[in-house]
């Protein structure tokens, strides 16, 4: 069954033949109307209360072809400049909150060997930010190394893991896995295209059979893009050469002023790596210098995401890196450069890493 909705950019919705997949497109359409259309199709995607006023005026531009739920969440969140989180088993919520929604809280104490360590409580608080919303909280008795925490189940799991790794760091690193929804290697644009604005580019890509979304801060950008019947997998590279940053995320070609990231809440994508740095750090001052250098030179805006950070553990000469897998591997690349050429030249060596993407919602 096909349902047509009278919205701009020939906004159309379709109940696709395969269960759970749909076609949907919109241009400069208020988020509230887009959510209403999606809800009428049975899509459980809503907005937090703080976004309701914004939803009435915030225009969205994206187009989906035979897309699944993950692609839909990515497109809506990118176009709106928000993140998405699960809604306690009842679909998903669009949010700009740094904290996750919490389940039932439970009080618990943790006995550790983290005694008389200046700054450790502040570090743990910062890394636990996403799980400290509402009435949740934690505190430390520094002389005893005793932590008291009132958190939900996910919060306790995160805190337990973090305290264990701070106290007994074991080398670990998450794998950097490719997006499972990358386009087929042989797939091409169905037709050549020309565009002089980001919105026109999105329309042209949609007409050429591409699922596409424009980041909220890029809707008004002017571009000068000319593409022939290119391979879809090559589009990010070809667009970058023409001044447009893009990336395939969840089967959607995401366009932006910077390389768009995954719009799942950063805390839900966060992983923890433990990286030995004895080859670079010979005294505590080197460790602090290294940490500061990484935070300032390796995608600096990404570290403002809730729960992200780097902690130097002087006793073990290692770094605890809390971030998504892509950012962790950017840190590893930076450490490899520093290992080859020396910490003293760090600012120069890492000066070209830039800020490819940002994990903060606008």
Protein backbone atom coordinates (compact mmCIF):
# COMPACT_ATOMS: atom_id res chain seq x y z
CA UNK A 1 0.00 0.00 0.00
CA UNK A 2 1.31 3.43 -0.92
CA UNK A 3 0.46 6.54 1.06
CA UNK A 4 1.10 10.01 -0.40
CA UNK A 5 1.46 12.99 1.90
CA UNK A 6 1.33 16.52 0.51
CA UNK A 7 4.68 17.87 1.70
CA UNK A 8 7.47 19.78 -0.05
CA UNK A 9 10.16 18.09 -2.19
CA UNK A 10 7.31 15.85 -3.26
CA UNK A 11 7.42 14.33 0.22
CA UNK A 12 6.26 10.78 -0.23
CA UNK A 13 5.97 7.82 2.03
CA UNK A 14 5.52 4.23 1.07
CA UNK A 15 4.89 1.01 2.91
CA UNK A 16 7.53 -1.05 1.16
CA UNK A 17 6.97 -4.62 0.12
CA UNK A 18 9.53 -5.90 2.63
CA UNK A 19 8.41 -5.61 6.23
CA UNK A 20 10.26 -2.91 8.12
CA UNK A 21 11.44 -1.01 5.04
CA UNK A 22 10.07 2.19 3.56
CA UNK A 23 10.52 5.00 1.05
CA UNK A 24 10.31 8.51 2.42
CA UNK A 25 11.50 11.93 1.27
CA UNK A 26 11.17 15.51 2.48
CA UNK A 27 12.78 18.89 1.91
CA UNK A 28 12.66 21.85 4.29
CA UNK A 29 9.72 20.22 6.06
CA UNK A 30 9.12 20.93 9.79
CA UNK A 31 10.27 18.08 11.99
CA UNK A 32 6.87 17.88 13.70
CA UNK A 33 5.13 17.14 10.39
CA UNK A 34 7.77 14.58 9.41
CA UNK A 35 7.42 12.76 12.75
CA UNK A 36 3.64 12.83 12.44
CA UNK A 37 3.84 11.26 8.97
CA UNK A 38 6.25 8.59 10.21
CA UNK A 39 4.10 7.83 13.26
CA UNK A 40 1.07 7.39 11.00
CA UNK A 41 3.03 4.63 9.26
CA UNK A 42 3.72 2.87 12.55
CA UNK A 43 7.28 4.18 13.03
CA UNK A 44 7.94 4.61 16.78
CA UNK A 45 10.11 7.73 16.69
CA UNK A 46 9.30 10.69 18.93
CA UNK A 47 10.99 13.82 20.33
CA UNK A 48 11.86 14.67 23.91
CA UNK A 49 9.75 17.39 25.53
CA UNK A 50 12.55 19.96 25.23
CA UNK A 51 12.47 19.61 21.44
CA UNK A 52 8.70 20.08 20.92
CA UNK A 53 8.93 23.81 20.22
CA UNK A 54 11.93 23.29 17.95
CA UNK A 55 10.07 20.55 16.08
CA UNK A 56 7.46 23.01 14.84
CA UNK A 57 10.03 25.15 13.03
CA UNK A 58 13.12 23.00 12.39
CA UNK A 59 13.15 22.00 8.69
CA UNK A 60 14.42 18.56 7.68
CA UNK A 61 15.83 17.45 4.33
CA UNK A 62 16.39 13.78 3.54
CA UNK A 63 15.26 11.01 1.19
CA UNK A 64 15.19 7.27 1.81
CA UNK A 65 14.84 4.41 -0.64
CA UNK A 66 13.84 0.98 0.69
CA UNK A 67 15.37 1.97 4.01
CA UNK A 68 15.36 0.10 7.32
CA UNK A 69 14.76 1.55 10.78
CA UNK A 70 18.46 2.28 11.41
CA UNK A 71 18.69 4.33 8.21
CA UNK A 72 15.54 6.24 9.14
CA UNK A 73 16.85 7.14 12.62
CA UNK A 74 20.17 8.27 11.16
CA UNK A 75 18.51 10.46 8.51
CA UNK A 76 16.06 12.15 10.87
CA UNK A 77 18.65 12.79 13.59
CA UNK A 78 21.27 14.13 11.19
CA UNK A 79 18.80 16.44 9.44
CA UNK A 80 17.53 17.72 12.79
CA UNK A 81 20.93 18.05 14.47
CA UNK A 82 20.02 15.72 17.33
CA UNK A 83 20.88 12.27 18.62
CA UNK A 84 18.61 9.26 19.00
CA UNK A 85 18.27 6.95 22.00
CA UNK A 86 16.05 3.95 22.84
CA UNK A 87 12.81 4.83 24.64
CA UNK A 88 12.82 2.16 27.36
CA UNK A 89 11.62 -0.52 24.96
CA UNK A 90 8.99 1.72 23.28
CA UNK A 91 10.70 2.84 20.09
CA UNK A 92 13.20 5.69 19.94
CA UNK A 93 13.49 9.33 21.03
CA UNK A 94 15.23 12.28 19.37
CA UNK A 95 17.22 14.23 21.97
CA UNK A 96 19.89 16.84 22.55
CA UNK A 97 20.34 15.87 26.22
CA UNK A 98 23.81 14.89 27.33
CA UNK A 99 22.32 12.39 29.78
CA UNK A 100 20.57 9.19 28.80
CA UNK A 101 17.12 8.36 30.12
CA UNK A 102 17.46 6.30 33.28
CA UNK A 103 15.71 3.20 34.46
CA UNK A 104 15.04 2.21 38.09
CA UNK A 105 17.83 3.45 40.36
CA UNK A 106 19.71 1.27 42.80
CA UNK A 107 22.27 2.30 45.45
CA UNK A 108 25.54 0.39 45.65
CA UNK A 109 29.04 0.88 47.07
CA UNK A 110 32.34 -0.01 45.42
CA UNK A 111 35.54 -0.62 47.36
CA UNK A 112 38.65 0.23 45.34
CA UNK A 113 42.35 0.93 45.72
CA UNK A 114 41.86 4.43 44.26
CA UNK A 115 42.90 6.20 47.47
CA UNK A 116 44.32 9.70 47.78
CA UNK A 117 44.43 10.18 44.01
CA UNK A 118 43.84 13.87 43.30
CA UNK A 119 41.40 14.45 40.47
CA UNK A 120 40.17 10.88 40.08
CA UNK A 121 36.65 11.67 41.33
CA UNK A 122 36.35 14.56 38.86
CA UNK A 123 37.59 12.32 36.05
CA UNK A 124 35.11 9.57 36.87
CA UNK A 125 32.23 12.06 37.14
CA UNK A 126 33.06 13.45 33.68
CA UNK A 127 33.26 9.99 32.10
CA UNK A 128 30.00 8.95 33.78
CA UNK A 129 28.05 12.07 32.72
CA UNK A 130 25.56 10.26 30.44
CA UNK A 131 24.45 7.98 33.26
CA UNK A 132 24.09 10.71 35.93
CA UNK A 133 20.81 12.23 34.81
CA UNK A 134 17.81 12.81 37.08
CA UNK A 135 18.35 11.63 40.65
CA UNK A 136 21.40 9.49 39.80
CA UNK A 137 24.69 10.35 41.45
CA UNK A 138 28.00 9.10 42.80
CA UNK A 139 30.61 10.19 45.31
CA UNK A 140 33.99 9.10 46.66
CA UNK A 141 35.54 8.88 50.11
CA UNK A 142 39.15 9.45 48.93
CA UNK A 143 40.89 8.16 52.06
CA UNK A 144 39.08 4.81 51.84
CA UNK A 145 38.69 4.53 48.06
CA UNK A 146 34.99 3.91 48.71
CA UNK A 147 32.54 4.93 46.00
CA UNK A 148 28.82 5.33 46.64
CA UNK A 149 26.62 5.29 43.56
CA UNK A 150 22.91 5.56 42.87
CA UNK A 151 22.52 4.50 39.24
CA UNK A 152 20.36 2.39 36.97
CA UNK A 153 21.56 -1.01 35.71
CA UNK A 154 23.43 0.42 32.72
CA UNK A 155 25.06 3.06 34.90
CA UNK A 156 26.32 0.48 37.40
CA UNK A 157 27.70 -1.64 34.54
CA UNK A 158 29.57 1.37 33.15
CA UNK A 159 30.90 2.45 36.55
CA UNK A 160 32.04 -1.05 37.49
CA UNK A 161 33.94 -1.41 34.21
CA UNK A 162 35.50 2.03 34.49
CA UNK A 163 36.65 1.61 38.11
CA UNK A 164 38.09 -1.83 37.34
CA UNK A 165 40.12 -0.48 34.43
CA UNK A 166 41.35 2.52 36.41
CA UNK A 167 42.47 0.24 39.23
CA UNK A 168 43.71 -2.73 37.17
CA UNK A 169 44.25 -1.56 33.59
CA UNK A 170 44.56 -4.40 31.09
CA UNK A 171 45.46 -3.61 27.51
CA UNK A 172 42.35 -3.65 25.33
CA UNK A 173 40.99 -1.95 22.24
CA UNK A 174 37.65 -2.19 20.42
CA UNK A 175 37.75 -3.26 16.77
CA UNK A 176 37.08 -0.68 14.06
CA UNK A 177 34.31 -2.34 12.08
CA UNK A 178 33.04 -1.05 8.74
CA UNK A 179 29.45 0.09 8.39
CA UNK A 180 27.41 -3.01 7.57
CA UNK A 181 25.11 -0.97 5.31
CA UNK A 182 27.67 0.25 2.79
CA UNK A 183 26.38 0.27 -0.81
CA UNK A 184 27.11 -2.63 -3.11
CA UNK A 185 30.50 -2.28 -4.78
CA UNK A 186 28.92 -2.36 -8.26
CA UNK A 187 26.06 0.06 -7.52
CA UNK A 188 26.11 3.36 -9.44
CA UNK A 189 24.12 6.57 -9.69
CA UNK A 190 21.21 6.00 -12.03
CA UNK A 191 21.92 9.30 -13.80
CA UNK A 192 24.46 12.17 -13.91
CA UNK A 193 23.74 15.13 -11.65
CA UNK A 194 24.54 18.81 -11.20
CA UNK A 195 23.85 20.89 -8.08
CA UNK A 196 24.59 24.41 -6.82
CA UNK A 197 23.20 24.05 -3.29
CA UNK A 198 23.17 21.36 -0.62
CA UNK A 199 19.41 21.02 -0.89
CA UNK A 200 19.60 20.70 -4.68
CA UNK A 201 22.35 18.10 -4.26
CA UNK A 202 20.14 16.06 -1.95
CA UNK A 203 17.26 16.21 -4.44
CA UNK A 204 19.53 15.21 -7.31
CA UNK A 205 21.03 12.29 -5.37
CA UNK A 206 17.54 11.15 -4.34
CA UNK A 207 16.42 11.28 -7.99
CA UNK A 208 19.47 9.16 -8.84
CA UNK A 209 18.35 6.46 -6.39
CA UNK A 210 20.46 7.34 -3.34
CA UNK A 211 19.26 7.47 0.25
CA UNK A 212 20.57 10.84 1.40
CA UNK A 213 20.32 13.27 4.34
CA UNK A 214 21.61 16.83 4.82
CA UNK A 215 23.03 17.85 8.21
CA UNK A 216 21.07 20.59 9.96
CA UNK A 217 23.94 23.10 9.79
CA UNK A 218 24.53 22.52 6.07
CA UNK A 219 21.07 23.08 4.58
CA UNK A 220 21.85 26.59 3.34
CA UNK A 221 25.33 25.84 2.04
CA UNK A 222 26.17 26.55 -1.60
CA UNK A 223 28.08 23.95 -3.58
CA UNK A 224 29.26 23.32 -7.14
CA UNK A 225 28.91 19.59 -7.75
CA UNK A 226 29.06 17.66 -11.00
CA UNK A 227 28.86 13.88 -10.96
CA UNK A 228 28.50 11.31 -13.72
CA UNK A 229 27.14 7.80 -13.17
CA UNK A 230 29.67 7.15 -10.43
CA UNK A 231 29.95 4.15 -8.12
CA UNK A 232 28.02 4.86 -4.93
CA UNK A 233 30.89 3.69 -2.72
CA UNK A 234 33.11 6.38 -4.30
CA UNK A 235 30.74 9.27 -3.65
CA UNK A 236 32.33 10.48 -0.36
CA UNK A 237 35.74 10.75 -2.02
CA UNK A 238 34.37 12.43 -5.16
CA UNK A 239 32.23 14.87 -3.20
CA UNK A 240 35.12 15.78 -0.90
CA UNK A 241 37.16 16.75 -3.96
CA UNK A 242 34.33 19.17 -4.81
CA UNK A 243 34.14 20.69 -1.35
CA UNK A 244 31.37 18.58 0.21
CA UNK A 245 32.01 16.40 3.27
CA UNK A 246 30.00 13.20 3.32
CA UNK A 247 29.97 9.65 4.64
CA UNK A 248 27.87 6.52 4.39
CA UNK A 249 26.14 5.94 7.73
CA UNK A 250 23.58 3.15 8.18
CA UNK A 251 22.96 3.02 4.42
CA UNK A 252 22.42 6.79 4.13
CA UNK A 253 24.77 9.17 2.30
CA UNK A 254 25.11 11.92 4.91
CA UNK A 255 26.11 15.40 3.72
CA UNK A 256 27.56 18.12 5.94
CA UNK A 257 30.02 20.95 6.48
CA UNK A 258 32.20 18.45 8.36
CA UNK A 259 32.20 14.69 7.90
CA UNK A 260 28.88 13.57 9.46
CA UNK A 261 29.03 11.03 12.26
CA UNK A 262 26.67 8.34 13.46
CA UNK A 263 23.71 10.01 15.19
CA UNK A 264 23.20 7.36 17.83
CA UNK A 265 23.85 9.06 21.17
CA UNK A 266 27.63 9.19 21.77
CA UNK A 267 27.31 7.39 25.11
CA UNK A 268 25.69 4.39 23.41
CA UNK A 269 28.61 4.21 20.97
CA UNK A 270 31.27 4.69 23.64
CA UNK A 271 33.92 2.05 24.13
CA UNK A 272 36.97 1.97 26.41
CA UNK A 273 40.55 1.31 25.33
CA UNK A 274 43.58 0.84 27.55
CA UNK A 275 46.77 1.83 25.72
CA UNK A 276 50.29 1.45 27.20
CA UNK A 277 52.52 4.47 26.51
CA UNK A 278 55.75 3.53 28.27
CA UNK A 279 57.58 4.17 24.98
CA UNK A 280 56.47 7.83 25.05
CA UNK A 281 56.17 8.66 28.73
CA UNK A 282 59.27 8.75 30.95
CA UNK A 283 57.83 10.80 33.82
CA UNK A 284 54.42 12.03 34.92
CA UNK A 285 54.83 15.35 33.16
CA UNK A 286 55.12 13.56 29.82
CA UNK A 287 51.84 11.80 30.50
CA UNK A 288 49.97 15.02 31.14
CA UNK A 289 51.55 16.60 28.05
CA UNK A 290 50.55 13.60 25.93
CA UNK A 291 46.95 13.65 27.19
CA UNK A 292 46.63 17.37 26.54
CA UNK A 293 48.11 16.98 23.08
CA UNK A 294 45.69 14.22 22.08
CA UNK A 295 42.64 16.15 23.30
CA UNK A 296 43.69 19.30 21.45
CA UNK A 297 44.94 17.77 18.20
CA UNK A 298 42.91 14.62 17.53
CA UNK A 299 39.42 15.74 16.44
CA UNK A 300 39.16 18.19 19.36
CA UNK A 301 35.43 18.89 19.14
CA UNK A 302 34.64 15.16 19.39
CA UNK A 303 35.98 15.08 22.96
CA UNK A 304 33.19 17.42 24.07
CA UNK A 305 30.73 14.56 23.62
CA UNK A 306 29.31 13.37 26.97
CA UNK A 307 31.35 10.62 28.56
CA UNK A 308 34.34 10.97 26.22
CA UNK A 309 37.84 11.64 27.49
CA UNK A 310 41.42 10.48 28.02
CA UNK A 311 42.88 9.67 31.45
CA UNK A 312 46.59 9.14 32.06
CA UNK A 313 47.31 6.50 34.73
CA UNK A 314 50.78 7.47 35.94
CA UNK A 315 51.30 4.36 38.07
CA UNK A 316 50.79 2.09 35.05
CA UNK A 317 52.13 4.40 32.31
CA UNK A 318 48.99 3.91 30.25
CA UNK A 319 46.03 5.85 28.84
CA UNK A 320 42.37 5.07 29.47
CA UNK A 321 40.60 6.29 26.31
CA UNK A 322 36.81 6.58 26.44
CA UNK A 323 35.29 7.32 23.02
CA UNK A 324 33.67 5.68 20.03
CA UNK A 325 35.74 3.17 18.08
CA UNK A 326 36.59 5.58 15.26
CA UNK A 327 37.94 8.21 17.66
CA UNK A 328 39.90 5.60 19.62
CA UNK A 329 41.58 4.46 16.42
CA UNK A 330 42.37 8.07 15.52
CA UNK A 331 44.17 8.25 18.88
CA UNK A 332 46.09 5.07 18.03
CA UNK A 333 47.13 6.58 14.69
CA UNK A 334 48.33 9.70 16.51
CA UNK A 335 50.30 7.64 19.04
CA UNK A 336 51.92 5.75 16.17
CA UNK A 337 53.11 9.05 14.66
CA UNK A 338 54.45 10.20 18.01
CA UNK A 339 56.21 6.88 18.56
CA UNK A 340 58.03 7.26 15.24
CA UNK A 341 58.94 10.94 15.50
CA UNK A 342 58.90 11.85 19.18
CA UNK A 343 56.62 13.53 21.70
CA UNK A 344 58.64 16.76 21.59
CA UNK A 345 57.43 17.39 18.03
CA UNK A 346 53.87 16.37 18.81
CA UNK A 347 52.11 19.64 18.07
CA UNK A 348 53.66 19.77 14.60
CA UNK A 349 53.20 16.07 13.86
CA UNK A 350 49.51 16.06 14.75
CA UNK A 351 48.69 19.49 13.36
CA UNK A 352 47.10 18.09 10.19
CA UNK A 353 44.73 15.63 11.85
CA UNK A 354 42.04 18.32 11.94
CA UNK A 355 38.45 18.00 13.04
CA UNK A 356 36.92 15.61 10.54
CA UNK A 357 33.70 15.25 12.44
CA UNK A 358 32.03 16.34 15.62
CA UNK A 359 30.04 14.21 18.03
CA UNK A 360 28.16 17.17 19.44
CA UNK A 361 24.67 18.00 18.31
CA UNK A 362 24.36 21.68 17.32
